[in-house]
C-alpha atoms as a PDB file:
ATOM      1  CA  MET A   1     134.280 101.624 106.692  1.00  0.00           C
ATOM      2  CA  PRO A   2     137.184 104.088 106.746  1.00  0.00           C
ATOM      3  CA  LEU A   3     136.562 107.136 108.907  1.00  0.00           C
ATOM      4  CA  THR A   4     137.989 110.652 108.910  1.00  0.00           C
ATOM      5  CA  PHE A   5     139.739 112.058 111.960  1.00  0.00           C
ATOM      6  CA  LEU A   6     140.557 115.761 112.270  1.00  0.00           C
ATOM      7  CA  HIS A   7     143.334 116.491 114.760  1.00  0.00           C
ATOM      8  CA  LEU A   8     143.760 120.043 116.056  1.00  0.00           C
ATOM      9  CA  ALA A   9     147.387 120.805 116.950  1.00  0.00           C
ATOM     10  CA  PRO A  10     147.784 124.108 118.812  1.00  0.00           C
ATOM     11  CA  HIS A  11     151.474 124.175 117.815  1.00  0.00           C
ATOM     12  CA  PRO A  12     153.751 122.182 115.533  1.00  0.00           C
ATOM     13  CA  ASP A  13     154.797 119.063 117.499  1.00  0.00           C
ATOM     14  CA  ASP A  14     151.461 118.679 119.308  1.00  0.00           C
ATOM     15  CA  GLU A  15     150.459 116.095 116.699  1.00  0.00           C
ATOM     16  CA  SER A  16     153.552 114.196 117.869  1.00  0.00           C
ATOM     17  CA  VAL A  17     153.078 114.473 121.646  1.00  0.00           C
ATOM     18  CA  GLY A  18     149.315 114.787 122.311  1.00  0.00           C
ATOM     19  CA  ALA A  19     148.081 111.330 121.243  1.00  0.00           C
ATOM     20  CA  PRO A  20     150.516 110.318 118.478  1.00  0.00           C
ATOM     21  CA  MET A  21     150.319 106.545 118.814  1.00  0.00           C
ATOM     22  CA  THR A  22     146.530 106.672 118.672  1.00  0.00           C
ATOM     23  CA  LEU A  23     146.615 108.749 115.479  1.00  0.00           C
ATOM     24  CA  LEU A  24     149.236 106.489 113.912  1.00  0.00           C
ATOM     25  CA  ALA A  25     147.220 103.369 114.755  1.00  0.00           C
ATOM     26  CA  LEU A  26     144.134 104.888 113.152  1.00  0.00           C
ATOM     27  CA  ARG A  27     146.115 105.761 110.027  1.00  0.00           C
ATOM     28  CA  ASP A  28     147.541 102.242 109.865  1.00  0.00           C
ATOM     29  CA  ALA A  29     144.002 100.847 110.078  1.00  0.00           C
ATOM     30  CA  GLY A  30     143.071 102.735 106.913  1.00  0.00           C
ATOM     31  CA  HIS A  31     141.382 105.801 108.357  1.00  0.00           C
ATOM     32  CA  ALA A  32     142.190 109.323 107.137  1.00  0.00           C
ATOM     33  CA  VAL A  33     143.974 111.548 109.643  1.00  0.00           C
ATOM     34  CA  ILE A  34     144.045 115.290 108.958  1.00  0.00           C
ATOM     35  CA  ASN A  35     146.305 117.427 111.123  1.00  0.00           C
ATOM     36  CA  LEU A  36     145.320 121.089 111.399  1.00  0.00           C
ATOM     37  CA  ALA A  37     148.332 123.135 112.533  1.00  0.00           C
ATOM     38  CA  VAL A  38     146.551 125.980 114.290  1.00  0.00           C
ATOM     39  CA  SER A  39     149.601 128.161 114.902  1.00  0.00           C
ATOM     40  CA  LEU A  40     153.321 128.139 114.173  1.00  0.00           C
ATOM     41  CA  GLY A  41     154.494 129.420 117.542  1.00  0.00           C
ATOM     42  CA  ARG A  42     156.646 132.495 118.064  1.00  0.00           C
ATOM     43  CA  PRO A  43     157.440 134.647 115.015  1.00  0.00           C
ATOM     44  CA  ALA A  44     161.175 133.927 115.068  1.00  0.00           C
ATOM     45  CA  ASP A  45     160.533 130.164 114.947  1.00  0.00           C
ATOM     46  CA  ARG A  46     157.732 129.973 112.406  1.00  0.00           C
ATOM     47  CA  GLU A  47     159.665 129.050 109.268  1.00  0.00           C
ATOM     48  CA  ARG A  48     161.583 126.344 111.104  1.00  0.00           C
ATOM     49  CA  ARG A  49     158.485 124.970 112.749  1.00  0.00           C
ATOM     50  CA  LEU A  50     156.542 124.946 109.502  1.00  0.00           C
ATOM     51  CA  GLY A  51     159.220 122.781 107.915  1.00  0.00           C
ATOM     52  CA  GLU A  52     159.281 120.501 110.937  1.00  0.00           C
ATOM     53  CA  VAL A  53     155.528 119.896 111.043  1.00  0.00           C
ATOM     54  CA  ARG A  54     155.472 119.195 107.313  1.00  0.00           C
ATOM     55  CA  GLU A  55     158.182 116.578 107.740  1.00  0.00           C
ATOM     56  CA  ALA A  56     156.478 115.075 110.798  1.00  0.00           C
ATOM     57  CA  CYS A  57     153.186 114.669 108.928  1.00  0.00           C
ATOM     58  CA  ARG A  58     155.013 113.187 105.939  1.00  0.00           C
ATOM     59  CA  ARG A  59     156.569 110.587 108.232  1.00  0.00           C
ATOM     60  CA  ALA A  60     153.232 109.869 109.875  1.00  0.00           C
ATOM     61  CA  GLY A  61     151.159 109.764 106.697  1.00  0.00           C
ATOM     62  CA  PHE A  62     148.832 112.514 107.936  1.00  0.00           C
ATOM     63  CA  ASP A  63     147.255 115.091 105.680  1.00  0.00           C
ATOM     64  CA  LEU A  64     148.343 118.547 106.815  1.00  0.00           C
ATOM     65  CA  ILE A  65     146.514 121.861 106.819  1.00  0.00           C
ATOM     66  CA  ASP A  66     149.016 124.530 107.861  1.00  0.00           C
ATOM     67  CA  THR A  67     147.280 127.728 106.804  1.00  0.00           C
ATOM     68  CA  PRO A  68     145.262 128.951 109.843  1.00  0.00           C
ATOM     69  CA  ARG A  69     148.311 130.332 111.737  1.00  0.00           C
ATOM     70  CA  LEU A  70     146.146 131.885 114.404  1.00  0.00           C
ATOM     71  CA  ALA A  71     147.472 134.031 117.264  1.00  0.00           C
ATOM     72  CA  ILE A  72     146.956 131.989 120.439  1.00  0.00           C
ATOM     73  CA  GLY A  73     149.855 133.288 122.555  1.00  0.00           C
ATOM     74  CA  GLY A  74     149.659 134.673 126.059  1.00  0.00           C
ATOM     75  CA  GLY A  75     149.240 138.287 124.933  1.00  0.00           C
ATOM     76  CA  ASP A  76     147.013 137.637 121.905  1.00  0.00           C
ATOM     77  CA  ASP A  77     143.279 138.058 121.466  1.00  0.00           C
ATOM     78  CA  ARG A  78     142.513 134.433 122.152  1.00  0.00           C
ATOM     79  CA  ASP A  79     138.743 134.951 122.180  1.00  0.00           C
ATOM     80  CA  ALA A  80     138.930 136.110 118.554  1.00  0.00           C
ATOM     81  CA  ALA A  81     141.159 133.157 117.676  1.00  0.00           C
ATOM     82  CA  GLN A  82     138.699 130.773 119.319  1.00  0.00           C
ATOM     83  CA  THR A  83     135.822 132.134 117.259  1.00  0.00           C
ATOM     84  CA  GLU A  84     137.808 131.959 114.018  1.00  0.00           C
ATOM     85  CA  LEU A  85     139.041 128.442 114.693  1.00  0.00           C
ATOM     86  CA  ALA A  86     135.578 127.173 115.616  1.00  0.00           C
ATOM     87  CA  ALA A  87     134.227 128.458 112.298  1.00  0.00           C
ATOM     88  CA  LEU A  88     137.089 126.815 110.415  1.00  0.00           C
ATOM     89  CA  VAL A  89     136.570 123.461 112.160  1.00  0.00           C
ATOM     90  CA  THR A  90     132.822 123.617 111.521  1.00  0.00           C
ATOM     91  CA  ALA A  91     133.528 124.118 107.813  1.00  0.00           C
ATOM     92  CA  LEU A  92     136.079 121.297 107.713  1.00  0.00           C
ATOM     93  CA  VAL A  93     133.679 118.914 109.438  1.00  0.00           C
ATOM     94  CA  ALA A  94     131.146 119.522 106.685  1.00  0.00           C
ATOM     95  CA  GLU A  95     133.597 119.592 103.771  1.00  0.00           C
ATOM     96  CA  ARG A  96     135.701 116.574 104.773  1.00  0.00           C
ATOM     97  CA  GLY A  97     133.002 114.403 106.343  1.00  0.00           C
ATOM     98  CA  VAL A  98     134.806 114.341 109.686  1.00  0.00           C
ATOM     99  CA  ASP A  99     133.740 111.576 112.074  1.00  0.00           C
ATOM    100  CA  VAL A 100     135.947 112.451 115.062  1.00  0.00           C
ATOM    101  CA  VAL A 101     137.677 115.657 116.102  1.00  0.00           C
ATOM    102  CA  VAL A 102     140.761 115.036 118.255  1.00  0.00           C
ATOM    103  CA  ALA A 103     141.967 118.001 120.319  1.00  0.00           C
ATOM    104  CA  PRO A 104     143.518 119.080 123.597  1.00  0.00           C
ATOM    105  CA  SER A 105     141.260 119.405 126.596  1.00  0.00           C
ATOM    106  CA  PRO A 106     139.720 122.859 127.214  1.00  0.00           C
ATOM    107  CA  HIS A 107     141.329 122.494 130.671  1.00  0.00           C
ATOM    108  CA  ASP A 108     144.819 121.548 129.465  1.00  0.00           C
ATOM    109  CA  GLY A 109     146.689 124.165 131.495  1.00  0.00           C
ATOM    110  CA  HIS A 110     148.248 126.002 128.530  1.00  0.00           C
ATOM    111  CA  HIS A 111     146.486 129.098 127.192  1.00  0.00           C
ATOM    112  CA  GLY A 112     146.905 128.093 123.542  1.00  0.00           C
ATOM    113  CA  HIS A 113     145.806 124.500 124.122  1.00  0.00           C
ATOM    114  CA  GLU A 114     142.715 125.594 126.007  1.00  0.00           C
ATOM    115  CA  VAL A 115     141.692 127.960 123.212  1.00  0.00           C
ATOM    116  CA  VAL A 116     141.877 125.067 120.750  1.00  0.00           C
ATOM    117  CA  GLY A 117     139.934 122.750 123.051  1.00  0.00           C
ATOM    118  CA  ARG A 118     137.163 125.302 123.469  1.00  0.00           C
ATOM    119  CA  ALA A 119     137.038 125.932 119.724  1.00  0.00           C
ATOM    120  CA  ALA A 120     136.658 122.189 119.076  1.00  0.00           C
ATOM    121  CA  ARG A 121     133.776 122.073 121.554  1.00  0.00           C
ATOM    122  CA  ASP A 122     132.099 125.104 119.964  1.00  0.00           C
ATOM    123  CA  ALA A 123     132.504 123.731 116.448  1.00  0.00           C
ATOM    124  CA  LEU A 124     130.827 120.438 117.284  1.00  0.00           C
ATOM    125  CA  ALA A 125     128.057 122.186 119.175  1.00  0.00           C
ATOM    126  CA  ALA A 126     127.394 124.237 116.029  1.00  0.00           C
ATOM    127  CA  ALA A 127     127.636 121.270 113.663  1.00  0.00           C
ATOM    128  CA  GLY A 128     124.389 119.661 114.791  1.00  0.00           C
ATOM    129  CA  ASP A 129     122.974 116.392 113.482  1.00  0.00           C
ATOM    130  CA  SER A 130     122.298 117.672 109.980  1.00  0.00           C
ATOM    131  CA  PRO A 131     123.057 116.299 106.501  1.00  0.00           C
ATOM    132  CA  ALA A 132     125.732 118.975 106.179  1.00  0.00           C
ATOM    133  CA  ALA A 133     127.566 117.634 109.217  1.00  0.00           C
ATOM    134  CA  GLY A 134     129.744 114.637 108.478  1.00  0.00           C
ATOM    135  CA  ASN A 135     128.088 113.731 105.149  1.00  0.00           C
ATOM    136  CA  GLY A 136     124.794 112.780 106.742  1.00  0.00           C
ATOM    137  CA  ARG A 137     126.290 111.169 109.839  1.00  0.00           C
ATOM    138  CA  ARG A 138     125.492 112.308 113.335  1.00  0.00           C
ATOM    139  CA  ARG A 139     127.603 115.099 114.710  1.00  0.00           C
ATOM    140  CA  PRO A 140     131.228 113.992 115.135  1.00  0.00           C
ATOM    141  CA  ARG A 141     132.577 112.744 118.396  1.00  0.00           C
ATOM    142  CA  LEU A 142     135.197 114.686 120.284  1.00  0.00           C
ATOM    143  CA  TRP A 143     138.296 112.923 121.613  1.00  0.00           C
ATOM    144  CA  LEU A 144     140.298 114.986 124.110  1.00  0.00           C
ATOM    145  CA  TRP A 145     143.887 114.456 125.195  1.00  0.00           C
ATOM    146  CA  GLY A 146     145.778 116.065 128.050  1.00  0.00           C
ATOM    147  CA  LEU A 147     149.396 117.192 128.037  1.00  0.00           C
ATOM    148  CA  TRP A 148     149.998 120.126 130.417  1.00  0.00           C
ATOM    149  CA  ALA A 149     147.177 119.020 132.718  1.00  0.00           C
ATOM    150  CA  ASP A 150     145.781 115.562 133.310  1.00  0.00           C
ATOM    151  CA  LEU A 151     142.365 114.453 132.109  1.00  0.00           C
ATOM    152  CA  PRO A 152     140.054 114.089 135.118  1.00  0.00           C
ATOM    153  CA  TRP A 153     137.849 111.380 133.526  1.00  0.00           C
ATOM    154  CA  PRO A 154     139.560 109.347 130.768  1.00  0.00           C
ATOM    155  CA  THR A 155     137.240 106.881 129.039  1.00  0.00           C
ATOM    156  CA  LEU A 156     139.251 105.596 126.080  1.00  0.00           C
ATOM    157  CA  TYR A 157     142.252 103.307 126.633  1.00  0.00           C
ATOM    158  CA  ALA A 158     144.648 102.739 123.730  1.00  0.00           C
ATOM    159  CA  GLY A 159     147.387 100.163 124.332  1.00  0.00           C
ATOM    160  CA  PHE A 160     150.610  99.949 122.307  1.00  0.00           C
ATOM    161  CA  GLY A 161     153.866  98.044 121.931  1.00  0.00           C
ATOM    162  CA  GLU A 162     157.519  98.918 121.482  1.00  0.00           C
ATOM    163  CA  ASP A 163     157.250  99.283 117.704  1.00  0.00           C
ATOM    164  CA  ASP A 164     154.445 101.807 118.136  1.00  0.00           C
ATOM    165  CA  VAL A 165     156.509 103.950 120.498  1.00  0.00           C
ATOM    166  CA  ALA A 166     159.512 103.772 118.172  1.00  0.00           C
ATOM    167  CA  ARG A 167     157.407 104.945 115.250  1.00  0.00           C
ATOM    168  CA  ALA A 168     155.978 107.829 117.278  1.00  0.00           C
ATOM    169  CA  GLU A 169     159.516 108.775 118.307  1.00  0.00           C
ATOM    170  CA  HIS A 170     160.525 108.837 114.635  1.00  0.00           C
ATOM    171  CA  VAL A 171     157.683 111.242 113.846  1.00  0.00           C
ATOM    172  CA  LEU A 172     158.524 113.434 116.832  1.00  0.00           C
ATOM    173  CA  ALA A 173     162.192 113.544 115.808  1.00  0.00           C
ATOM    174  CA  ALA A 174     161.193 115.746 112.856  1.00  0.00           C
ATOM    175  CA  HIS A 175     160.756 118.563 115.413  1.00  0.00           C
ATOM    176  CA  ALA A 176     164.493 118.896 115.964  1.00  0.00           C
ATOM    177  CA  GLY A 177     164.341 122.493 117.149  1.00  0.00           C
ATOM    178  CA  GLU A 178     161.786 121.738 119.855  1.00  0.00           C
ATOM    179  CA  LEU A 179     163.676 118.630 120.983  1.00  0.00           C
ATOM    180  CA  ALA A 180     166.804 120.750 121.368  1.00  0.00           C
ATOM    181  CA  ARG A 181     164.843 123.001 123.731  1.00  0.00           C
ATOM    182  CA  ASN A 182     163.181 120.280 125.804  1.00  0.00           C
ATOM    183  CA  ASP A 183     163.333 116.477 126.041  1.00  0.00           C
ATOM    184  CA  TYR A 184     159.914 115.668 124.615  1.00  0.00           C
ATOM    185  CA  ALA A 185     161.189 112.307 123.382  1.00  0.00           C
ATOM    186  CA  ALA A 186     161.681 111.182 126.983  1.00  0.00           C
ATOM    187  CA  LEU A 187     158.261 112.594 127.842  1.00  0.00           C
ATOM    188  CA  LEU A 188     156.593 110.609 125.051  1.00  0.00           C
ATOM    189  CA  ARG A 189     157.818 107.297 126.425  1.00  0.00           C
ATOM    190  CA  ALA A 190     157.396 108.249 130.091  1.00  0.00           C
ATOM    191  CA  ARG A 191     153.783 109.317 129.588  1.00  0.00           C
ATOM    192  CA  ALA A 192     153.064 106.084 127.730  1.00  0.00           C
ATOM    193  CA  VAL A 193     154.475 104.062 130.634  1.00  0.00           C
ATOM    194  CA  ALA A 194     152.541 106.084 133.218  1.00  0.00           C
ATOM    195  CA  SER A 195     149.321 105.825 131.223  1.00  0.00           C
ATOM    196  CA  ARG A 196     149.697 102.061 131.000  1.00  0.00           C
ATOM    197  CA  THR A 197     150.422 101.754 134.728  1.00  0.00           C
ATOM    198  CA  LEU A 198     147.533 103.958 135.833  1.00  0.00           C
ATOM    199  CA  GLY A 199     145.285 103.679 132.803  1.00  0.00           C
ATOM    200  CA  ALA A 200     143.314 100.500 133.439  1.00  0.00           C
ATOM    201  CA  GLU A 201     142.245 101.671 136.871  1.00  0.00           C
ATOM    202  CA  ARG A 202     141.553 105.246 135.744  1.00  0.00           C
ATOM    203  CA  VAL A 203     139.443 104.149 132.772  1.00  0.00           C
ATOM    204  CA  PHE A 204     137.817 100.902 133.960  1.00  0.00           C
ATOM    205  CA  GLY A 205     137.700 101.458 137.714  1.00  0.00           C
ATOM    206  CA  PHE A 206     140.046 101.003 140.650  1.00  0.00           C
ATOM    207  CA  GLY A 207     141.052  97.384 141.110  1.00  0.00           C
ATOM    208  CA  SER A 208     141.064  96.689 137.355  1.00  0.00           C
ATOM    209  CA  ALA A 209     143.992  94.632 136.100  1.00  0.00           C
ATOM    210  CA  VAL A 210     146.753  96.235 134.061  1.00  0.00           C
ATOM    211  CA  ARG A 211     146.537  95.584 130.306  1.00  0.00           C
ATOM    212  CA  PRO A 212     149.250  93.494 128.617  1.00  0.00           C
ATOM    213  CA  GLN A 213     150.665  96.121 126.235  1.00  0.00           C
ATOM    214  CA  PRO A 214     153.670  97.936 127.724  1.00  0.00           C
ATOM    215  CA  TYR A 215     152.481 101.428 126.740  1.00  0.00           C
ATOM    216  CA  ALA A 216     149.197 103.312 126.536  1.00  0.00           C
ATOM    217  CA  GLU A 217     147.512 106.607 125.743  1.00  0.00           C
ATOM    218  CA  LEU A 218     144.370 107.834 127.461  1.00  0.00           C
ATOM    219  CA  LEU A 219     141.673 110.071 126.005  1.00  0.00           C
ATOM    220  CA  THR A 220     138.258 111.352 127.027  1.00  0.00           C
ATOM    221  CA  GLU A 221     135.588 110.674 124.423  1.00  0.00           C
ATOM    222  CA  VAL A 222     132.719 113.182 124.354  1.00  0.00           C
ATOM    223  CA  VAL A 223     129.508 112.548 122.432  1.00  0.00           C
ATOM    224  CA  HIS A 224     126.350 114.567 121.906  1.00  0.00           C
ATOM    225  CA  ASP A 225     123.069 112.687 122.015  1.00  0.00           C
ATOM    226  CA  GLY A 226     120.644 115.338 123.165  1.00  0.00           C
ATOM    227  CA  GLU A 227     123.233 116.377 125.752  1.00  0.00           C
ATOM    228  CA  TRP A 228     127.007 116.277 126.070  1.00  0.00           C
ATOM    229  CA  ARG A 229     128.136 113.034 127.693  1.00  0.00           C
ATOM    230  CA  THR A 230     131.368 111.132 127.981  1.00  0.00           C
ATOM    231  CA  GLY A 231     131.634 107.900 126.046  1.00  0.00           C
ATOM    232  CA  GLY A 232     131.552 104.678 128.010  1.00  0.00           C
ATOM    233  CA  ALA A 233     134.813 103.071 129.120  1.00  0.00           C
ATOM    234  CA  ARG A 234     136.397 100.972 126.386  1.00  0.00           C
ATOM    235  CA  GLU A 235     139.633  99.916 124.782  1.00  0.00           C
ATOM    236  CA  LEU A 236     140.379 101.399 121.381  1.00  0.00           C
ATOM    237  CA  ASP A 237     140.141  99.036 118.431  1.00  0.00           C
ATOM    238  CA  PRO A 238     141.678 101.038 115.542  1.00  0.00           C
ATOM    239  CA  ARG A 239     139.808  98.873 113.027  1.00  0.00           C
ATOM    240  CA  ASP A 240     136.481  99.829 114.644  1.00  0.00           C
ATOM    241  CA  PRO A 241     137.234 103.022 116.560  1.00  0.00           C
ATOM    242  CA  LEU A 242     133.613 103.984 117.202  1.00  0.00           C
ATOM    243  CA  ALA A 243     132.556 100.612 118.589  1.00  0.00           C
ATOM    244  CA  PRO A 244     130.159 100.943 121.533  1.00  0.00           C
ATOM    245  CA  ALA A 245     131.456 100.463 125.034  1.00  0.00           C
ATOM    246  CA  PRO A 246     130.771  97.056 126.584  1.00  0.00           C
ATOM    247  CA  ALA A 247     127.913  96.860 129.042  1.00  0.00           C
ATOM    248  CA  ASP A 248     130.237  96.936 132.030  1.00  0.00           C
ATOM    249  CA  GLY A 249     131.722 100.218 130.770  1.00  0.00           C
ATOM    250  CA  ALA A 250     128.424 102.044 130.369  1.00  0.00           C
ATOM    251  CA  TRP A 251     128.567 103.401 133.918  1.00  0.00           C
ATOM    252  CA  ARG A 252     131.478 105.597 132.859  1.00  0.00           C
ATOM    253  CA  SER A 253     129.222 107.700 130.616  1.00  0.00           C
ATOM    254  CA  VAL A 254     128.314 110.853 132.536  1.00  0.00           C
ATOM    255  CA  PRO A 255     126.918 114.309 131.648  1.00  0.00           C
ATOM    256  CA  ILE A 256     129.901 116.521 130.887  1.00  0.00           C
ATOM    257  CA  ALA A 257     128.596 119.900 129.638  1.00  0.00           C
ATOM    258  CA  TRP A 258     129.311 121.495 133.023  1.00  0.00           C
ATOM    259  CA  TRP A 259     132.999 120.634 132.582  1.00  0.00           C
ATOM    260  CA  LEU A 260     133.254 121.353 128.847  1.00  0.00           C
ATOM    261  CA  TYR A 261     131.853 124.859 129.327  1.00  0.00           C
ATOM    262  CA  GLY A 262     133.295 125.589 132.751  1.00  0.00           C
ATOM    263  CA  ALA A 263     136.191 128.005 133.216  1.00  0.00           C
ATOM    264  CA  SER A 264     139.511 126.231 133.558  1.00  0.00           C
ATOM    265  CA  PHE A 265     141.852 126.769 136.481  1.00  0.00           C
ATOM    266  CA  PHE A 266     144.069 128.767 134.122  1.00  0.00           C
ATOM    267  CA  GLU A 267     141.188 131.091 133.217  1.00  0.00           C
ATOM    268  CA  ARG A 268     140.162 131.514 136.842  1.00  0.00           C
ATOM    269  CA  ALA A 269     143.751 132.288 137.808  1.00  0.00           C
ATOM    270  CA  GLY A 270     143.922 135.222 135.426  1.00  0.00           C
ATOM    271  CA  ARG A 271     144.377 133.744 131.924  1.00  0.00           C
ATOM    272  CA  ARG A 272     147.986 134.872 131.616  1.00  0.00           C
ATOM    273  CA  ARG A 273     151.203 133.026 132.084  1.00  0.00           C
ATOM    274  CA  PRO A 274     154.665 133.993 130.812  1.00  0.00           C
END
């Protein structure tokens, strides 16, 4: 059965660098992928970045919601933005029948990313297991990616080939202004190589054999079943993305509320960075 995935992009281009190959694989498998562009970055760049994210989502085949445009910068009222975004995500979960929310980690090392990660957590905590949440389904799962800071406990391994990387690069290329500022195209491929090299051991345990695909993305799956827990260790099957973890991966499921609600290093260090 086709599922609905809601991706929360703190800035235009995060849909193309956070977990782009995973989102593209889900879309190719027939699932709906909605990209919520939370902000448009700095005022001087907003028109350019709006055009770029629209083109990127057109290339990817993602539905785009680009109207929140919340203030999540270093000097903004990020607590207010977090509250507003959580309410918006809660409404979208109910209206669109969302099965999985994909977002940056609440410990991702960038003030704007962490706001979005906390809002995703708050929205799913508020959703509950009610008929209004996900069209009668249980509360959606939360898939977290890391960009500016690594995930401490990845549980979901998604392997990819050369064609998948090339397609993700094509989507990312729509963000020409950001690529002129920094070489995110090189980062996309380098992260995919590093995640493949380290991923099997990080997800399935040290000593595990490397997987055959040349590239990978890693995510932390979080589920609520009376308490917040990580999902068990498993490889992503885009045709059945919510398949249960095999028995030998069940040990990877641990209580995670302490981490989800804990202050990040960035918050503890003063919550401001240039």
